[in-house]
Amino acid sequence: MNGSLSPEQVVSAARRLITAGGLDAFSMRKLAAVLDVNPMTIYLRFESKDVLLQAVAQASLTGLRLPPPSGSWIDQVVDLAAAIKDHLVADRAMLRVHSDPARLSAGVLGAVDRGLGLMAEVGYEGAHAVESFRQLFWSAVGAALVDGTFDSLPGSRSDLTDALAAVDDHPHIHDHATHFGPVDANRLFRSTARSLAVGLAAAAPMEIPS
């Protein structure tokens, strides 16, 4: 590849490298080796590594589709949180790329704007609106980070049921031992997001819109 190398090809190769090895291991030299070009060829398309990473972040967030604003206020809050979580799960390797505010694209800004708008509908203003939305946003980020690992976590594995049932000095664990087991991550997250939304609605300055 040489003059025919497109910016889209560079971004695509960079995403593959970051997905495979993580952001810390990513370098323009490694990217050039993958593309079989001189590093200067990449710099002709992107003037710096940071500019390239901004393009990578924007490409990643292109897939973030906001749900249509339908249903109750609580339903809309849950749907928005789930959309953010699902997108981050699908492109988890990009979480570190998105950590720089300068790389926020229209996709994530649109999600934040929708969330702040929902907070405003029930009377949250200023710092209170931001704090309220952050609870949902970081819940989504946390769920994305641990997605796929639930089955190995304590209390989530079905093979722990007998061991938990044998615990005598923790009566509440003993009484609920049969209810521990594999976790449906999507159901759990939506339930968590709904609990947060219900709490935000209860504490809001205004009533939930009908």
N, C-alpha and C. Protein backbone atom coordinates (compact mmCIF):
# COMPACT_ATOMS: atom_id res chain seq x y z
N MET A 1 0.84 -1.20 0.00
CA MET A 1 0.00 0.00 0.00
C MET A 1 0.87 1.25 0.00
N ASN A 2 0.40 2.27 -0.69
CA ASN A 2 1.13 3.55 -0.67
C ASN A 2 0.15 4.68 -0.84
N GLY A 3 0.19 5.32 -2.03
CA GLY A 3 -0.72 6.44 -2.25
C GLY A 3 -2.17 6.03 -2.27
N SER A 4 -2.45 4.73 -2.45
CA SER A 4 -3.84 4.27 -2.51
C SER A 4 -4.43 4.06 -1.13
N LEU A 5 -3.61 4.20 -0.09
CA LEU A 5 -4.08 3.98 1.28
C LEU A 5 -5.05 5.09 1.68
N SER A 6 -6.26 4.71 2.04
CA SER A 6 -7.27 5.70 2.40
C SER A 6 -7.31 5.91 3.91
N PRO A 7 -7.80 7.08 4.35
CA PRO A 7 -7.95 7.31 5.80
C PRO A 7 -8.83 6.24 6.45
N GLU A 8 -9.86 5.78 5.74
CA GLU A 8 -10.75 4.76 6.28
C GLU A 8 -10.00 3.45 6.53
N GLN A 9 -9.07 3.10 5.64
CA GLN A 9 -8.28 1.90 5.83
C GLN A 9 -7.37 2.02 7.06
N VAL A 10 -6.81 3.21 7.25
CA VAL A 10 -5.95 3.45 8.40
C VAL A 10 -6.76 3.31 9.69
N VAL A 11 -7.92 3.93 9.74
CA VAL A 11 -8.78 3.87 10.93
C VAL A 11 -9.20 2.44 11.21
N SER A 12 -9.59 1.71 10.18
CA SER A 12 -10.02 0.33 10.36
C SER A 12 -8.89 -0.53 10.92
N ALA A 13 -7.68 -0.36 10.38
CA ALA A 13 -6.54 -1.13 10.87
C ALA A 13 -6.20 -0.74 12.31
N ALA A 14 -6.30 0.54 12.63
CA ALA A 14 -6.02 1.00 13.99
C ALA A 14 -7.02 0.39 14.98
N ARG A 15 -8.28 0.34 14.62
CA ARG A 15 -9.29 -0.26 15.50
C ARG A 15 -8.99 -1.73 15.75
N ARG A 16 -8.56 -2.44 14.69
CA ARG A 16 -8.23 -3.85 14.85
C ARG A 16 -7.04 -4.04 15.79
N LEU A 17 -6.04 -3.19 15.66
CA LEU A 17 -4.86 -3.26 16.52
C LEU A 17 -5.23 -2.99 17.99
N ILE A 18 -6.03 -1.96 18.21
CA ILE A 18 -6.43 -1.60 19.58
C ILE A 18 -7.29 -2.70 20.19
N THR A 19 -8.17 -3.27 19.39
CA THR A 19 -9.02 -4.36 19.87
C THR A 19 -8.19 -5.57 20.25
N ALA A 20 -7.17 -5.85 19.46
CA ALA A 20 -6.34 -7.04 19.70
C ALA A 20 -5.36 -6.86 20.86
N GLY A 21 -4.74 -5.68 20.95
CA GLY A 21 -3.67 -5.51 21.93
C GLY A 21 -3.89 -4.45 22.98
N GLY A 22 -4.97 -3.67 22.86
CA GLY A 22 -5.22 -2.61 23.83
C GLY A 22 -4.57 -1.30 23.42
N LEU A 23 -5.04 -0.23 24.02
CA LEU A 23 -4.57 1.11 23.65
C LEU A 23 -3.12 1.33 24.05
N ASP A 24 -2.69 0.81 25.19
CA ASP A 24 -1.33 1.04 25.66
C ASP A 24 -0.28 0.47 24.71
N ALA A 25 -0.63 -0.62 24.04
CA ALA A 25 0.32 -1.27 23.13
C ALA A 25 0.27 -0.70 21.72
N PHE A 26 -0.67 0.20 21.48
CA PHE A 26 -0.83 0.74 20.13
C PHE A 26 0.22 1.81 19.84
N SER A 27 0.76 1.78 18.63
CA SER A 27 1.70 2.81 18.19
C SER A 27 1.58 3.00 16.68
N MET A 28 1.98 4.15 16.22
CA MET A 28 1.94 4.43 14.79
C MET A 28 2.89 3.51 14.03
N ARG A 29 4.01 3.16 14.67
CA ARG A 29 4.97 2.26 14.01
C ARG A 29 4.38 0.87 13.81
N LYS A 30 3.69 0.36 14.84
CA LYS A 30 3.04 -0.94 14.71
C LYS A 30 1.96 -0.90 13.64
N LEU A 31 1.22 0.20 13.61
CA LEU A 31 0.17 0.34 12.61
C LEU A 31 0.76 0.36 11.21
N ALA A 32 1.87 1.06 11.04
CA ALA A 32 2.53 1.11 9.74
C ALA A 32 2.98 -0.28 9.31
N ALA A 33 3.48 -1.08 10.27
CA ALA A 33 3.92 -2.43 9.95
C ALA A 33 2.76 -3.29 9.47
N VAL A 34 1.61 -3.14 10.15
CA VAL A 34 0.43 -3.91 9.77
C VAL A 34 -0.03 -3.53 8.35
N LEU A 35 0.05 -2.25 8.06
CA LEU A 35 -0.39 -1.76 6.75
C LEU A 35 0.70 -1.89 5.68
N ASP A 36 1.90 -2.29 6.12
CA ASP A 36 3.03 -2.46 5.22
C ASP A 36 3.37 -1.15 4.50
N VAL A 37 3.47 -0.08 5.29
CA VAL A 37 3.83 1.22 4.73
C VAL A 37 4.85 1.88 5.65
N ASN A 38 5.47 2.93 5.16
CA ASN A 38 6.34 3.76 5.98
C ASN A 38 5.47 4.57 6.94
N PRO A 39 5.89 4.73 8.21
CA PRO A 39 5.07 5.51 9.14
C PRO A 39 4.68 6.89 8.61
N MET A 40 5.55 7.50 7.81
CA MET A 40 5.23 8.82 7.27
C MET A 40 4.00 8.78 6.37
N THR A 41 3.72 7.63 5.78
CA THR A 41 2.53 7.50 4.94
C THR A 41 1.27 7.72 5.77
N ILE A 42 1.30 7.22 7.01
CA ILE A 42 0.15 7.40 7.90
C ILE A 42 0.04 8.86 8.33
N TYR A 43 1.20 9.48 8.61
CA TYR A 43 1.18 10.88 9.05
C TYR A 43 0.71 11.82 7.95
N LEU A 44 0.78 11.37 6.70
CA LEU A 44 0.23 12.19 5.61
C LEU A 44 -1.29 12.20 5.66
N ARG A 45 -1.89 11.16 6.27
CA ARG A 45 -3.35 11.09 6.40
C ARG A 45 -3.82 11.68 7.73
N PHE A 46 -3.02 11.45 8.78
CA PHE A 46 -3.36 11.93 10.12
C PHE A 46 -2.11 12.57 10.72
N GLU A 47 -2.20 13.84 11.03
CA GLU A 47 -1.00 14.58 11.42
C GLU A 47 -0.40 14.15 12.74
N SER A 48 -1.15 13.44 13.57
CA SER A 48 -0.63 12.97 14.84
C SER A 48 -1.41 11.73 15.28
N LYS A 49 -0.85 11.04 16.27
CA LYS A 49 -1.52 9.87 16.83
C LYS A 49 -2.85 10.27 17.45
N ASP A 50 -2.89 11.42 18.11
CA ASP A 50 -4.13 11.84 18.76
C ASP A 50 -5.23 12.13 17.74
N VAL A 51 -4.86 12.72 16.62
CA VAL A 51 -5.85 12.99 15.56
C VAL A 51 -6.39 11.66 15.03
N LEU A 52 -5.51 10.70 14.87
CA LEU A 52 -5.95 9.38 14.41
C LEU A 52 -6.89 8.74 15.43
N LEU A 53 -6.54 8.82 16.72
CA LEU A 53 -7.40 8.22 17.75
C LEU A 53 -8.76 8.91 17.82
N GLN A 54 -8.80 10.19 17.51
CA GLN A 54 -10.09 10.88 17.47
C GLN A 54 -10.94 10.30 16.35
N ALA A 55 -10.32 10.02 15.21
CA ALA A 55 -11.05 9.42 14.09
C ALA A 55 -11.50 8.00 14.45
N VAL A 56 -10.66 7.27 15.18
CA VAL A 56 -11.02 5.92 15.61
C VAL A 56 -12.23 5.97 16.55
N ALA A 57 -12.21 6.93 17.49
CA ALA A 57 -13.33 7.08 18.42
C ALA A 57 -14.61 7.41 17.67
N GLN A 58 -14.53 8.30 16.71
CA GLN A 58 -15.72 8.69 15.95
C GLN A 58 -16.26 7.51 15.15
N ALA A 59 -15.35 6.70 14.60
CA ALA A 59 -15.79 5.52 13.84
C ALA A 59 -16.46 4.52 14.76
N SER A 60 -15.92 4.37 15.97
CA SER A 60 -16.51 3.45 16.94
C SER A 60 -17.92 3.87 17.31
N LEU A 61 -18.11 5.15 17.56
CA LEU A 61 -19.40 5.63 18.05
C LEU A 61 -20.44 5.83 16.96
N THR A 62 -20.02 5.60 15.70
CA THR A 62 -20.99 5.68 14.61
C THR A 62 -22.11 4.67 14.82
N GLY A 63 -21.77 3.56 15.48
CA GLY A 63 -22.77 2.52 15.70
C GLY A 63 -23.71 2.77 16.85
N LEU A 64 -23.49 3.85 17.60
CA LEU A 64 -24.38 4.15 18.74
C LEU A 64 -25.69 4.73 18.22
N ARG A 65 -26.74 3.96 18.33
CA ARG A 65 -28.05 4.38 17.86
C ARG A 65 -28.95 4.68 19.05
N LEU A 66 -29.42 5.90 19.14
CA LEU A 66 -30.29 6.27 20.25
C LEU A 66 -31.69 5.72 20.03
N PRO A 67 -32.30 5.17 21.07
CA PRO A 67 -33.66 4.64 20.93
C PRO A 67 -34.65 5.79 20.72
N PRO A 68 -35.73 5.53 20.01
CA PRO A 68 -36.74 6.59 19.83
C PRO A 68 -37.37 6.94 21.17
N PRO A 69 -37.70 8.22 21.37
CA PRO A 69 -38.29 8.64 22.65
C PRO A 69 -39.74 8.20 22.77
N SER A 70 -39.95 6.96 23.21
CA SER A 70 -41.31 6.46 23.36
C SER A 70 -41.46 5.78 24.71
N GLY A 71 -42.70 5.67 25.17
CA GLY A 71 -42.97 5.07 26.46
C GLY A 71 -42.91 6.10 27.57
N SER A 72 -42.97 5.61 28.80
CA SER A 72 -42.95 6.50 29.96
C SER A 72 -41.57 7.12 30.12
N TRP A 73 -41.46 8.11 31.01
CA TRP A 73 -40.17 8.74 31.29
C TRP A 73 -39.17 7.71 31.78
N ILE A 74 -39.62 6.84 32.67
CA ILE A 74 -38.74 5.80 33.20
C ILE A 74 -38.30 4.85 32.09
N ASP A 75 -39.23 4.46 31.21
CA ASP A 75 -38.88 3.59 30.08
C ASP A 75 -37.82 4.24 29.21
N GLN A 76 -37.96 5.53 28.94
CA GLN A 76 -36.99 6.22 28.08
C GLN A 76 -35.62 6.28 28.73
N VAL A 77 -35.57 6.50 30.04
CA VAL A 77 -34.30 6.53 30.75
C VAL A 77 -33.62 5.16 30.69
N VAL A 78 -34.39 4.11 30.93
CA VAL A 78 -33.85 2.74 30.88
C VAL A 78 -33.36 2.40 29.48
N ASP A 79 -34.15 2.73 28.47
CA ASP A 79 -33.77 2.43 27.08
C ASP A 79 -32.49 3.16 26.69
N LEU A 80 -32.35 4.41 27.11
CA LEU A 80 -31.15 5.17 26.79
C LEU A 80 -29.93 4.55 27.47
N ALA A 81 -30.05 4.23 28.75
CA ALA A 81 -28.93 3.62 29.47
C ALA A 81 -28.54 2.29 28.83
N ALA A 82 -29.54 1.49 28.44
CA ALA A 82 -29.26 0.20 27.82
C ALA A 82 -28.58 0.37 26.47
N ALA A 83 -28.98 1.39 25.70
CA ALA A 83 -28.35 1.63 24.40
C ALA A 83 -26.88 1.99 24.56
N ILE A 84 -26.57 2.81 25.56
CA ILE A 84 -25.18 3.17 25.82
C ILE A 84 -24.39 1.94 26.25
N LYS A 85 -24.94 1.16 27.16
CA LYS A 85 -24.25 -0.04 27.63
C LYS A 85 -24.03 -1.03 26.50
N ASP A 86 -25.05 -1.28 25.69
CA ASP A 86 -24.94 -2.26 24.61
C ASP A 86 -23.87 -1.85 23.60
N HIS A 87 -23.79 -0.55 23.31
CA HIS A 87 -22.78 -0.10 22.37
C HIS A 87 -21.37 -0.28 22.93
N LEU A 88 -21.20 0.04 24.21
CA LEU A 88 -19.88 -0.10 24.82
C LEU A 88 -19.47 -1.56 24.92
N VAL A 89 -20.43 -2.45 25.15
CA VAL A 89 -20.13 -3.88 25.17
C VAL A 89 -19.67 -4.34 23.79
N ALA A 90 -20.36 -3.87 22.76
CA ALA A 90 -20.03 -4.28 21.39
C ALA A 90 -18.66 -3.79 20.97
N ASP A 91 -18.19 -2.70 21.55
CA ASP A 91 -16.90 -2.13 21.16
C ASP A 91 -16.09 -1.79 22.40
N ARG A 92 -15.96 -2.77 23.31
CA ARG A 92 -15.37 -2.54 24.61
C ARG A 92 -13.92 -2.05 24.54
N ALA A 93 -13.18 -2.49 23.52
CA ALA A 93 -11.79 -2.08 23.40
C ALA A 93 -11.64 -0.58 23.20
N MET A 94 -12.73 0.08 22.80
CA MET A 94 -12.66 1.52 22.54
C MET A 94 -12.89 2.37 23.79
N LEU A 95 -13.18 1.74 24.94
CA LEU A 95 -13.46 2.51 26.15
C LEU A 95 -12.30 3.44 26.50
N ARG A 96 -11.07 2.95 26.40
CA ARG A 96 -9.91 3.79 26.71
C ARG A 96 -9.76 4.91 25.68
N VAL A 97 -10.11 4.63 24.44
CA VAL A 97 -10.01 5.65 23.40
C VAL A 97 -10.97 6.79 23.68
N HIS A 98 -12.16 6.45 24.18
CA HIS A 98 -13.17 7.47 24.45
C HIS A 98 -12.88 8.28 25.70
N SER A 99 -11.88 7.87 26.49
CA SER A 99 -11.66 8.52 27.78
C SER A 99 -11.19 9.97 27.66
N ASP A 100 -10.66 10.36 26.53
CA ASP A 100 -10.23 11.74 26.30
C ASP A 100 -11.42 12.55 25.82
N PRO A 101 -11.85 13.59 26.55
CA PRO A 101 -13.01 14.38 26.14
C PRO A 101 -12.88 14.95 24.73
N ALA A 102 -11.64 15.17 24.27
CA ALA A 102 -11.45 15.73 22.94
C ALA A 102 -11.88 14.75 21.85
N ARG A 103 -12.04 13.49 22.23
CA ARG A 103 -12.40 12.48 21.23
C ARG A 103 -13.88 12.15 21.23
N LEU A 104 -14.67 12.86 22.02
CA LEU A 104 -16.10 12.61 22.03
C LEU A 104 -16.70 12.98 20.68
N SER A 105 -17.45 12.06 20.12
CA SER A 105 -18.06 12.31 18.82
C SER A 105 -19.52 12.70 18.97
N ALA A 106 -20.13 12.98 17.85
CA ALA A 106 -21.54 13.35 17.87
C ALA A 106 -22.40 12.24 18.47
N GLY A 107 -21.94 10.98 18.33
CA GLY A 107 -22.72 9.87 18.87
C GLY A 107 -22.89 9.95 20.37
N VAL A 108 -21.77 10.03 21.10
CA VAL A 108 -21.87 10.06 22.55
C VAL A 108 -22.41 11.40 23.04
N LEU A 109 -22.09 12.48 22.34
CA LEU A 109 -22.65 13.77 22.73
C LEU A 109 -24.16 13.78 22.58
N GLY A 110 -24.66 13.10 21.57
CA GLY A 110 -26.10 12.99 21.40
C GLY A 110 -26.74 12.23 22.54
N ALA A 111 -26.07 11.17 23.01
CA ALA A 111 -26.60 10.39 24.13
C ALA A 111 -26.62 11.22 25.40
N VAL A 112 -25.54 11.97 25.63
CA VAL A 112 -25.48 12.82 26.82
C VAL A 112 -26.55 13.90 26.76
N ASP A 113 -26.72 14.50 25.58
CA ASP A 113 -27.72 15.55 25.43
C ASP A 113 -29.12 15.00 25.68
N ARG A 114 -29.40 13.78 25.16
CA ARG A 114 -30.71 13.16 25.40
C ARG A 114 -30.91 12.92 26.90
N GLY A 115 -29.87 12.43 27.56
CA GLY A 115 -29.98 12.16 28.99
C GLY A 115 -30.22 13.41 29.80
N LEU A 116 -29.50 14.48 29.48
CA LEU A 116 -29.70 15.73 30.19
C LEU A 116 -31.09 16.30 29.93
N GLY A 117 -31.58 16.08 28.71
CA GLY A 117 -32.93 16.52 28.39
C GLY A 117 -33.97 15.79 29.22
N LEU A 118 -33.76 14.49 29.41
CA LEU A 118 -34.68 13.71 30.24
C LEU A 118 -34.64 14.19 31.69
N MET A 119 -33.44 14.50 32.16
CA MET A 119 -33.34 15.01 33.53
C MET A 119 -34.07 16.36 33.67
N ALA A 120 -33.96 17.19 32.65
CA ALA A 120 -34.62 18.50 32.67
C ALA A 120 -36.14 18.36 32.69
N GLU A 121 -36.67 17.29 32.06
CA GLU A 121 -38.11 17.11 32.00
C GLU A 121 -38.74 16.95 33.38
N VAL A 122 -37.95 16.46 34.34
CA VAL A 122 -38.51 16.28 35.68
C VAL A 122 -37.94 17.30 36.66
N GLY A 123 -37.33 18.35 36.12
CA GLY A 123 -36.94 19.48 36.95
C GLY A 123 -35.52 19.54 37.43
N TYR A 124 -34.68 18.57 37.04
CA TYR A 124 -33.27 18.66 37.43
C TYR A 124 -32.59 19.75 36.62
N GLU A 125 -31.79 20.59 37.28
CA GLU A 125 -31.11 21.68 36.60
C GLU A 125 -29.64 21.71 36.98
N GLY A 126 -28.83 22.31 36.10
CA GLY A 126 -27.43 22.54 36.40
C GLY A 126 -26.68 21.30 36.84
N ALA A 127 -25.92 21.45 37.94
CA ALA A 127 -25.10 20.35 38.44
C ALA A 127 -25.95 19.15 38.84
N HIS A 128 -27.18 19.39 39.29
CA HIS A 128 -28.06 18.29 39.69
C HIS A 128 -28.45 17.44 38.47
N ALA A 129 -28.66 18.08 37.34
CA ALA A 129 -28.99 17.34 36.11
C ALA A 129 -27.80 16.48 35.67
N VAL A 130 -26.60 17.07 35.73
CA VAL A 130 -25.39 16.33 35.33
C VAL A 130 -25.15 15.16 36.27
N GLU A 131 -25.27 15.39 37.57
CA GLU A 131 -25.06 14.33 38.56
C GLU A 131 -26.06 13.20 38.36
N SER A 132 -27.31 13.55 38.09
CA SER A 132 -28.35 12.53 37.90
C SER A 132 -28.06 11.67 36.68
N PHE A 133 -27.70 12.31 35.58
CA PHE A 133 -27.40 11.54 34.37
C PHE A 133 -26.13 10.71 34.54
N ARG A 134 -25.15 11.24 35.27
CA ARG A 134 -23.91 10.49 35.47
C ARG A 134 -24.16 9.16 36.17
N GLN A 135 -25.13 9.11 37.05
CA GLN A 135 -25.43 7.85 37.73
C GLN A 135 -25.80 6.78 36.72
N LEU A 136 -26.59 7.15 35.74
CA LEU A 136 -26.97 6.19 34.70
C LEU A 136 -25.81 5.88 33.77
N PHE A 137 -25.07 6.92 33.38
CA PHE A 137 -23.99 6.74 32.42
C PHE A 137 -22.91 5.82 32.97
N TRP A 138 -22.50 6.07 34.23
CA TRP A 138 -21.42 5.25 34.78
C TRP A 138 -21.90 3.87 35.15
N SER A 139 -23.17 3.71 35.40
CA SER A 139 -23.73 2.38 35.57
C SER A 139 -23.58 1.59 34.28
N ALA A 140 -23.82 2.27 33.15
CA ALA A 140 -23.68 1.63 31.84
C ALA A 140 -22.23 1.27 31.56
N VAL A 141 -21.31 2.18 31.88
CA VAL A 141 -19.89 1.91 31.67
C VAL A 141 -19.44 0.72 32.53
N GLY A 142 -19.85 0.71 33.80
CA GLY A 142 -19.47 -0.39 34.68
C GLY A 142 -20.00 -1.72 34.19
N ALA A 143 -21.24 -1.74 33.73
CA ALA A 143 -21.83 -2.98 33.21
C ALA A 143 -21.09 -3.45 31.98
N ALA A 144 -20.66 -2.52 31.13
CA ALA A 144 -19.92 -2.89 29.92
C ALA A 144 -18.57 -3.51 30.27
N LEU A 145 -17.93 -2.98 31.30
CA LEU A 145 -16.61 -3.48 31.68
C LEU A 145 -16.64 -4.91 32.21
N VAL A 146 -17.72 -5.29 32.88
CA VAL A 146 -17.78 -6.63 33.47
C VAL A 146 -18.64 -7.59 32.65
N ASP A 147 -19.23 -7.11 31.57
CA ASP A 147 -20.09 -7.97 30.75
C ASP A 147 -19.29 -9.20 30.27
N GLY A 148 -19.93 -10.35 30.36
CA GLY A 148 -19.28 -11.58 29.92
C GLY A 148 -18.49 -12.28 31.01
N THR A 149 -18.40 -11.66 32.19
CA THR A 149 -17.63 -12.27 33.28
C THR A 149 -18.52 -12.70 34.44
N PHE A 150 -19.83 -12.46 34.33
CA PHE A 150 -20.72 -12.74 35.45
C PHE A 150 -20.68 -14.19 35.90
N ASP A 151 -20.56 -15.11 34.94
CA ASP A 151 -20.62 -16.53 35.30
C ASP A 151 -19.46 -16.97 36.17
N SER A 152 -18.37 -16.19 36.19
CA SER A 152 -17.22 -16.57 37.01
C SER A 152 -17.17 -15.81 38.33
N LEU A 153 -18.11 -14.88 38.53
CA LEU A 153 -18.10 -14.09 39.75
C LEU A 153 -18.73 -14.86 40.91
N PRO A 154 -18.26 -14.62 42.15
CA PRO A 154 -18.87 -15.29 43.31
C PRO A 154 -20.37 -14.98 43.37
N GLY A 155 -21.15 -16.01 43.62
CA GLY A 155 -22.59 -15.83 43.73
C GLY A 155 -23.31 -15.92 42.40
N SER A 156 -22.55 -16.07 41.30
CA SER A 156 -23.17 -16.15 39.99
C SER A 156 -23.05 -17.54 39.39
N ARG A 157 -22.15 -18.35 39.94
CA ARG A 157 -21.93 -19.68 39.38
C ARG A 157 -22.87 -20.69 40.01
N SER A 158 -23.45 -21.52 39.17
CA SER A 158 -24.40 -22.51 39.68
C SER A 158 -23.72 -23.54 40.58
N ASP A 159 -22.40 -23.74 40.42
CA ASP A 159 -21.72 -24.74 41.25
C ASP A 159 -21.46 -24.25 42.67
N LEU A 160 -21.83 -22.99 42.96
CA LEU A 160 -21.67 -22.46 44.31
C LEU A 160 -22.90 -22.70 45.18
N THR A 161 -23.99 -23.15 44.58
CA THR A 161 -25.25 -23.28 45.31
C THR A 161 -25.10 -24.18 46.54
N ASP A 162 -24.50 -25.35 46.35
CA ASP A 162 -24.36 -26.29 47.48
C ASP A 162 -23.45 -25.71 48.55
N ALA A 163 -22.37 -25.06 48.12
CA ALA A 163 -21.44 -24.49 49.09
C ALA A 163 -22.11 -23.38 49.90
N LEU A 164 -22.91 -22.56 49.24
CA LEU A 164 -23.60 -21.48 49.95
C LEU A 164 -24.66 -22.04 50.90
N ALA A 165 -25.33 -23.10 50.46
CA ALA A 165 -26.37 -23.70 51.29
C ALA A 165 -25.80 -24.30 52.57
N ALA A 166 -24.51 -24.64 52.53
CA ALA A 166 -23.87 -25.26 53.70
C ALA A 166 -23.35 -24.23 54.70
N VAL A 167 -23.48 -22.94 54.36
CA VAL A 167 -23.00 -21.90 55.26
C VAL A 167 -23.99 -21.72 56.42
N ASP A 168 -23.52 -21.93 57.64
CA ASP A 168 -24.40 -21.84 58.79
C ASP A 168 -24.31 -20.52 59.53
N ASP A 169 -23.13 -19.86 59.47
CA ASP A 169 -22.96 -18.64 60.26
C ASP A 169 -23.40 -17.37 59.53
N HIS A 170 -23.96 -17.53 58.34
CA HIS A 170 -24.53 -16.41 57.59
C HIS A 170 -25.94 -16.81 57.15
N PRO A 171 -26.91 -16.70 58.05
CA PRO A 171 -28.25 -17.26 57.79
C PRO A 171 -28.94 -16.70 56.56
N HIS A 172 -28.73 -15.44 56.23
CA HIS A 172 -29.42 -14.87 55.06
C HIS A 172 -28.89 -15.48 53.76
N ILE A 173 -27.57 -15.71 53.70
CA ILE A 173 -27.00 -16.38 52.53
C ILE A 173 -27.54 -17.80 52.44
N HIS A 174 -27.58 -18.47 53.57
CA HIS A 174 -28.09 -19.85 53.61
C HIS A 174 -29.53 -19.91 53.09
N ASP A 175 -30.37 -18.99 53.55
CA ASP A 175 -31.78 -19.01 53.17
C ASP A 175 -31.99 -18.70 51.69
N HIS A 176 -31.07 -17.96 51.08
CA HIS A 176 -31.24 -17.57 49.68
C HIS A 176 -30.31 -18.32 48.73
N ALA A 177 -29.63 -19.33 49.21
CA ALA A 177 -28.62 -20.02 48.41
C ALA A 177 -29.17 -20.55 47.09
N THR A 178 -30.39 -21.05 47.09
CA THR A 178 -30.94 -21.65 45.87
C THR A 178 -31.23 -20.62 44.78
N HIS A 179 -31.21 -19.35 45.14
CA HIS A 179 -31.51 -18.31 44.16
C HIS A 179 -30.26 -17.76 43.47
N PHE A 180 -29.08 -18.21 43.94
CA PHE A 180 -27.86 -17.80 43.28
C PHE A 180 -27.64 -18.69 42.05
N GLY A 181 -26.98 -18.15 41.05
CA GLY A 181 -26.71 -18.91 39.84
C GLY A 181 -26.34 -17.99 38.70
N PRO A 182 -26.34 -18.50 37.47
CA PRO A 182 -25.96 -17.70 36.31
C PRO A 182 -26.79 -16.41 36.20
N VAL A 183 -26.16 -15.35 35.74
CA VAL A 183 -26.80 -14.05 35.66
C VAL A 183 -27.12 -13.69 34.22
N ASP A 184 -28.34 -13.23 33.98
CA ASP A 184 -28.71 -12.66 32.69
C ASP A 184 -28.29 -11.19 32.75
N ALA A 185 -27.15 -10.88 32.15
CA ALA A 185 -26.56 -9.55 32.28
C ALA A 185 -27.48 -8.45 31.76
N ASN A 186 -28.13 -8.69 30.64
CA ASN A 186 -29.01 -7.66 30.08
C ASN A 186 -30.21 -7.40 30.99
N ARG A 187 -30.80 -8.47 31.51
CA ARG A 187 -31.96 -8.30 32.39
C ARG A 187 -31.54 -7.59 33.67
N LEU A 188 -30.39 -7.98 34.21
CA LEU A 188 -29.90 -7.36 35.44
C LEU A 188 -29.63 -5.88 35.23
N PHE A 189 -29.02 -5.54 34.09
CA PHE A 189 -28.72 -4.12 33.87
C PHE A 189 -29.99 -3.30 33.72
N ARG A 190 -30.95 -3.80 32.96
CA ARG A 190 -32.19 -3.04 32.79
C ARG A 190 -32.92 -2.89 34.12
N SER A 191 -32.86 -3.94 34.96
CA SER A 191 -33.47 -3.85 36.29
C SER A 191 -32.75 -2.80 37.14
N THR A 192 -31.42 -2.77 37.05
CA THR A 192 -30.64 -1.78 37.79
C THR A 192 -30.94 -0.37 37.30
N ALA A 193 -30.98 -0.21 35.98
CA ALA A 193 -31.27 1.10 35.40
C ALA A 193 -32.67 1.56 35.77
N ARG A 194 -33.62 0.64 35.82
CA ARG A 194 -34.99 1.01 36.21
C ARG A 194 -35.04 1.45 37.67
N SER A 195 -34.31 0.75 38.53
CA SER A 195 -34.27 1.15 39.94
C SER A 195 -33.69 2.55 40.08
N LEU A 196 -32.62 2.84 39.33
CA LEU A 196 -32.03 4.17 39.36
C LEU A 196 -33.02 5.21 38.86
N ALA A 197 -33.71 4.88 37.76
CA ALA A 197 -34.66 5.82 37.18
C ALA A 197 -35.83 6.09 38.14
N VAL A 198 -36.30 5.05 38.79
CA VAL A 198 -37.39 5.22 39.76
C VAL A 198 -36.93 6.11 40.90
N GLY A 199 -35.70 5.91 41.37
CA GLY A 199 -35.18 6.74 42.44
C GLY A 199 -35.01 8.19 42.01
N LEU A 200 -34.51 8.40 40.80
CA LEU A 200 -34.35 9.76 40.28
C LEU A 200 -35.71 10.44 40.13
N ALA A 201 -36.69 9.67 39.68
CA ALA A 201 -38.03 10.24 39.52
C ALA A 201 -38.62 10.62 40.88
N ALA A 202 -38.41 9.78 41.87
CA ALA A 202 -38.96 10.05 43.20
C ALA A 202 -38.33 11.29 43.84
N ALA A 203 -37.05 11.54 43.52
CA ALA A 203 -36.35 12.67 44.12
C ALA A 203 -36.42 13.93 43.26
N ALA A 204 -37.02 13.82 42.08
CA ALA A 204 -37.04 14.94 41.15
C ALA A 204 -37.92 16.09 41.66
N PRO A 205 -37.57 17.32 41.30
CA PRO A 205 -38.35 18.48 41.71
C PRO A 205 -39.76 18.50 41.12
N MET A 206 -39.95 17.88 39.97
CA MET A 206 -41.24 17.89 39.29
C MET A 206 -41.78 16.48 39.13
N GLU A 207 -43.05 16.36 38.79
CA GLU A 207 -43.65 15.05 38.54
C GLU A 207 -43.20 14.51 37.20
N ILE A 208 -43.21 13.17 37.09
CA ILE A 208 -42.85 12.54 35.82
C ILE A 208 -43.89 12.92 34.76
N PRO A 209 -43.43 13.32 33.56
CA PRO A 209 -44.38 13.66 32.49
C PRO A 209 -45.27 12.45 32.16
N SER A 210 -46.53 12.71 31.91
CA SER A 210 -47.45 11.62 31.59
C SER A 210 -47.33 11.27 30.12
